[in-house]
Amino acid sequence: GGPARVRSAVANGDVLHSSGPWGTTGGWWSDEERFAYDSFDVQTSDGTLARLRYDHRARSWEIDALYD
């Protein structure tokens, strides 16, 4: 159920290790402000350590943070 591969301008490779998901929800009082995310910490085959975020409402993935 988690991410298997990352392809972007800052990270590119298979996910070797993954932790999560950590779910975050809020804004339930308003359709415009409502959010629901799952976050994963991953290490990719190119050596990148990142936090990925899946937005359930937009059905899209984003790189939320990079670790050094």
Protein backbone atom coordinates (compact mmCIF):
# COMPACT_ATOMS: atom_id res chain seq x y z
CA GLY A 1 0.00 0.00 0.00
CA GLY A 2 2.93 2.42 0.19
CA PRO A 3 5.09 4.09 -2.44
CA ALA A 4 7.22 1.82 -4.65
CA ARG A 5 9.07 4.34 -6.84
CA VAL A 6 9.85 8.07 -6.84
CA ARG A 7 10.46 10.08 -9.98
CA SER A 8 10.99 13.83 -9.73
CA ALA A 9 13.57 16.54 -10.29
CA VAL A 10 15.04 15.95 -6.81
CA ALA A 11 14.68 12.18 -6.32
CA ASN A 12 14.58 9.26 -8.71
CA GLY A 13 14.60 5.58 -7.84
CA ASP A 14 12.94 2.56 -6.31
CA VAL A 15 11.86 2.81 -2.69
CA LEU A 16 14.25 0.60 -0.70
CA HIS A 17 12.90 1.34 2.79
CA SER A 18 9.65 2.90 3.91
CA SER A 19 8.09 3.88 7.25
CA GLY A 20 4.50 4.89 7.72
CA PRO A 21 1.89 5.80 6.85
CA TRP A 22 1.13 8.52 9.33
CA GLY A 23 -2.34 9.88 8.73
CA THR A 24 -3.27 13.52 9.20
CA THR A 25 -6.77 14.89 8.77
CA GLY A 26 -8.48 18.14 9.57
CA GLY A 27 -10.67 20.96 8.42
CA TRP A 28 -13.68 18.68 8.76
CA TRP A 29 -15.91 21.70 9.48
CA SER A 30 -15.56 23.05 5.92
CA ASP A 31 -15.40 21.38 2.50
CA GLU A 32 -12.94 24.03 1.29
CA GLU A 33 -10.54 23.53 4.23
CA ARG A 34 -10.84 19.74 4.62
CA PHE A 35 -7.65 17.69 4.18
CA ALA A 36 -6.54 14.08 4.52
CA TYR A 37 -2.89 13.05 4.05
CA ASP A 38 -0.79 9.94 4.54
CA SER A 39 2.94 10.56 5.04
CA PHE A 40 5.77 8.09 4.45
CA ASP A 41 9.49 8.40 5.16
CA VAL A 42 11.40 6.67 2.36
CA GLN A 43 14.91 5.92 1.16
CA THR A 44 15.26 5.59 -2.60
CA SER A 45 17.86 3.71 -4.63
CA ASP A 46 19.56 7.00 -5.59
CA GLY A 47 20.26 7.64 -1.87
CA THR A 48 17.55 10.23 -1.28
CA LEU A 49 15.84 10.32 2.13
CA ALA A 50 12.46 12.00 1.86
CA ARG A 51 9.04 12.38 3.36
CA LEU A 52 6.33 11.71 0.79
CA ARG A 53 2.75 12.83 1.23
CA TYR A 54 -0.31 11.31 -0.41
CA ASP A 55 -3.24 13.72 -0.62
CA HIS A 56 -6.43 11.66 -0.50
CA ARG A 57 -8.64 14.50 -1.75
CA ALA A 58 -6.46 15.37 -4.78
CA ARG A 59 -5.33 11.73 -5.22
CA SER A 60 -1.75 12.89 -5.77
CA TRP A 61 1.73 12.38 -4.33
CA GLU A 62 4.18 15.13 -3.32
CA ILE A 63 7.64 15.29 -1.80
CA ASP A 64 6.95 17.03 1.49
CA ALA A 65 10.54 17.16 2.80
CA LEU A 66 14.09 16.05 2.08
CA TYR A 67 16.44 14.81 4.81
CA ASP A 68 20.19 15.30 4.77
